[in-house]
Amino acid sequence: MALAFNNLRKGSKYRLQNHGETFEFVVMEIQEGDRFILKDLHTLELYQLQDLLRYGKGKDYDLSEL
């Protein structure tokens, strides 16, 4: 079951599947306007949640807590 974005918590780890790709990340910061700064658990790269969803939600969309 997919989580809603308002359920994301700073410091928690999540897995996002969308358009055939899977991302595992920790929420580093929650900014105004529901902007989420994430850190990839494997590469340690920082990015925004909006970057992962720029092409919309695919049929395989799933967001779950690890």
C-alpha atoms as a PDB file:
ATOM      1  CA  MET A   1       0.000   0.000   0.000  1.00  0.00           C
ATOM      2  CA  ALA A   2       1.430   3.353  -1.033  1.00  0.00           C
ATOM      3  CA  LEU A   3       2.037   6.028   1.577  1.00  0.00           C
ATOM      4  CA  ALA A   4       0.904   9.608   1.114  1.00  0.00           C
ATOM      5  CA  PHE A   5       3.595  12.295   1.034  1.00  0.00           C
ATOM      6  CA  ASN A   6       2.259  13.895   4.222  1.00  0.00           C
ATOM      7  CA  ASN A   7       3.197  10.659   6.040  1.00  0.00           C
ATOM      8  CA  LEU A   8       6.917  11.027   5.237  1.00  0.00           C
ATOM      9  CA  ARG A   9       9.036  11.761   8.302  1.00  0.00           C
ATOM     10  CA  LYS A  10      12.507  13.239   8.591  1.00  0.00           C
ATOM     11  CA  GLY A  11      15.093  10.547   9.315  1.00  0.00           C
ATOM     12  CA  SER A  12      12.884   7.682   8.119  1.00  0.00           C
ATOM     13  CA  LYS A  13      13.822   5.332   5.261  1.00  0.00           C
ATOM     14  CA  TYR A  14      11.563   4.624   2.290  1.00  0.00           C
ATOM     15  CA  ARG A  15      11.418   2.719  -0.988  1.00  0.00           C
ATOM     16  CA  LEU A  16       9.803   4.313  -4.048  1.00  0.00           C
ATOM     17  CA  GLN A  17       8.989   2.311  -7.144  1.00  0.00           C
ATOM     18  CA  ASN A  18       7.852   4.240 -10.207  1.00  0.00           C
ATOM     19  CA  HIS A  19       8.093   3.661 -13.972  1.00  0.00           C
ATOM     20  CA  GLY A  20      10.153   0.486 -13.496  1.00  0.00           C
ATOM     21  CA  GLU A  21      12.782   2.107 -11.265  1.00  0.00           C
ATOM     22  CA  THR A  22      13.293   1.602  -7.536  1.00  0.00           C
ATOM     23  CA  PHE A  23      14.802   4.180  -5.194  1.00  0.00           C
ATOM     24  CA  GLU A  24      15.661   3.678  -1.526  1.00  0.00           C
ATOM     25  CA  PHE A  25      16.244   6.862   0.443  1.00  0.00           C
ATOM     26  CA  VAL A  26      16.156   8.608   3.798  1.00  0.00           C
ATOM     27  CA  VAL A  27      14.315  11.917   4.233  1.00  0.00           C
ATOM     28  CA  MET A  28      16.949  14.498   5.209  1.00  0.00           C
ATOM     29  CA  GLU A  29      14.825  17.640   5.287  1.00  0.00           C
ATOM     30  CA  ILE A  30      11.235  18.739   4.783  1.00  0.00           C
ATOM     31  CA  GLN A  31      10.948  22.276   3.451  1.00  0.00           C
ATOM     32  CA  GLU A  32       8.026  24.628   2.899  1.00  0.00           C
ATOM     33  CA  GLY A  33       5.628  23.700   0.136  1.00  0.00           C
ATOM     34  CA  ASP A  34       6.091  19.936   0.703  1.00  0.00           C
ATOM     35  CA  ARG A  35       9.600  19.916  -0.759  1.00  0.00           C
ATOM     36  CA  PHE A  36      11.515  16.878   0.455  1.00  0.00           C
ATOM     37  CA  ILE A  37      15.319  16.624   0.376  1.00  0.00           C
ATOM     38  CA  LEU A  38      16.329  12.952   0.153  1.00  0.00           C
ATOM     39  CA  LYS A  39      19.591  11.005   0.419  1.00  0.00           C
ATOM     40  CA  ASP A  40      19.927   7.827  -1.615  1.00  0.00           C
ATOM     41  CA  LEU A  41      20.804   4.899   0.658  1.00  0.00           C
ATOM     42  CA  HIS A  42      23.145   3.348  -1.916  1.00  0.00           C
ATOM     43  CA  THR A  43      24.899   6.252  -3.652  1.00  0.00           C
ATOM     44  CA  LEU A  44      24.471   8.858  -0.845  1.00  0.00           C
ATOM     45  CA  GLU A  45      23.433  11.351  -3.549  1.00  0.00           C
ATOM     46  CA  LEU A  46      21.082  14.166  -2.464  1.00  0.00           C
ATOM     47  CA  TYR A  47      18.000  14.927  -4.549  1.00  0.00           C
ATOM     48  CA  GLN A  48      14.414  16.125  -4.219  1.00  0.00           C
ATOM     49  CA  LEU A  49      11.340  13.927  -4.235  1.00  0.00           C
ATOM     50  CA  GLN A  50       9.924  16.066  -7.032  1.00  0.00           C
ATOM     51  CA  ASP A  51      12.840  14.936  -9.247  1.00  0.00           C
ATOM     52  CA  LEU A  52      11.701  11.316  -8.907  1.00  0.00           C
ATOM     53  CA  LEU A  53       8.115  12.178  -9.806  1.00  0.00           C
ATOM     54  CA  ARG A  54       8.702  14.659 -12.620  1.00  0.00           C
ATOM     55  CA  TYR A  55       7.119  12.270 -15.162  1.00  0.00           C
ATOM     56  CA  GLY A  56       4.117  11.511 -12.967  1.00  0.00           C
ATOM     57  CA  LYS A  57       3.071   8.327 -11.238  1.00  0.00           C
ATOM     58  CA  GLY A  58       3.285   5.154 -13.285  1.00  0.00           C
ATOM     59  CA  LYS A  59       1.116   2.028 -13.040  1.00  0.00           C
ATOM     60  CA  ASP A  60       3.750   0.483 -10.758  1.00  0.00           C
ATOM     61  CA  TYR A  61       3.910   3.445  -8.340  1.00  0.00           C
ATOM     62  CA  ASP A  62       4.486   2.387  -4.740  1.00  0.00           C
ATOM     63  CA  LEU A  63       5.942   4.273  -1.769  1.00  0.00           C
ATOM     64  CA  SER A  64       6.613   2.246   1.373  1.00  0.00           C
ATOM     65  CA  GLU A  65       8.619   2.574   4.572  1.00  0.00           C
ATOM     66  CA  LEU A  66      11.652   0.332   5.033  1.00  0.00           C
END
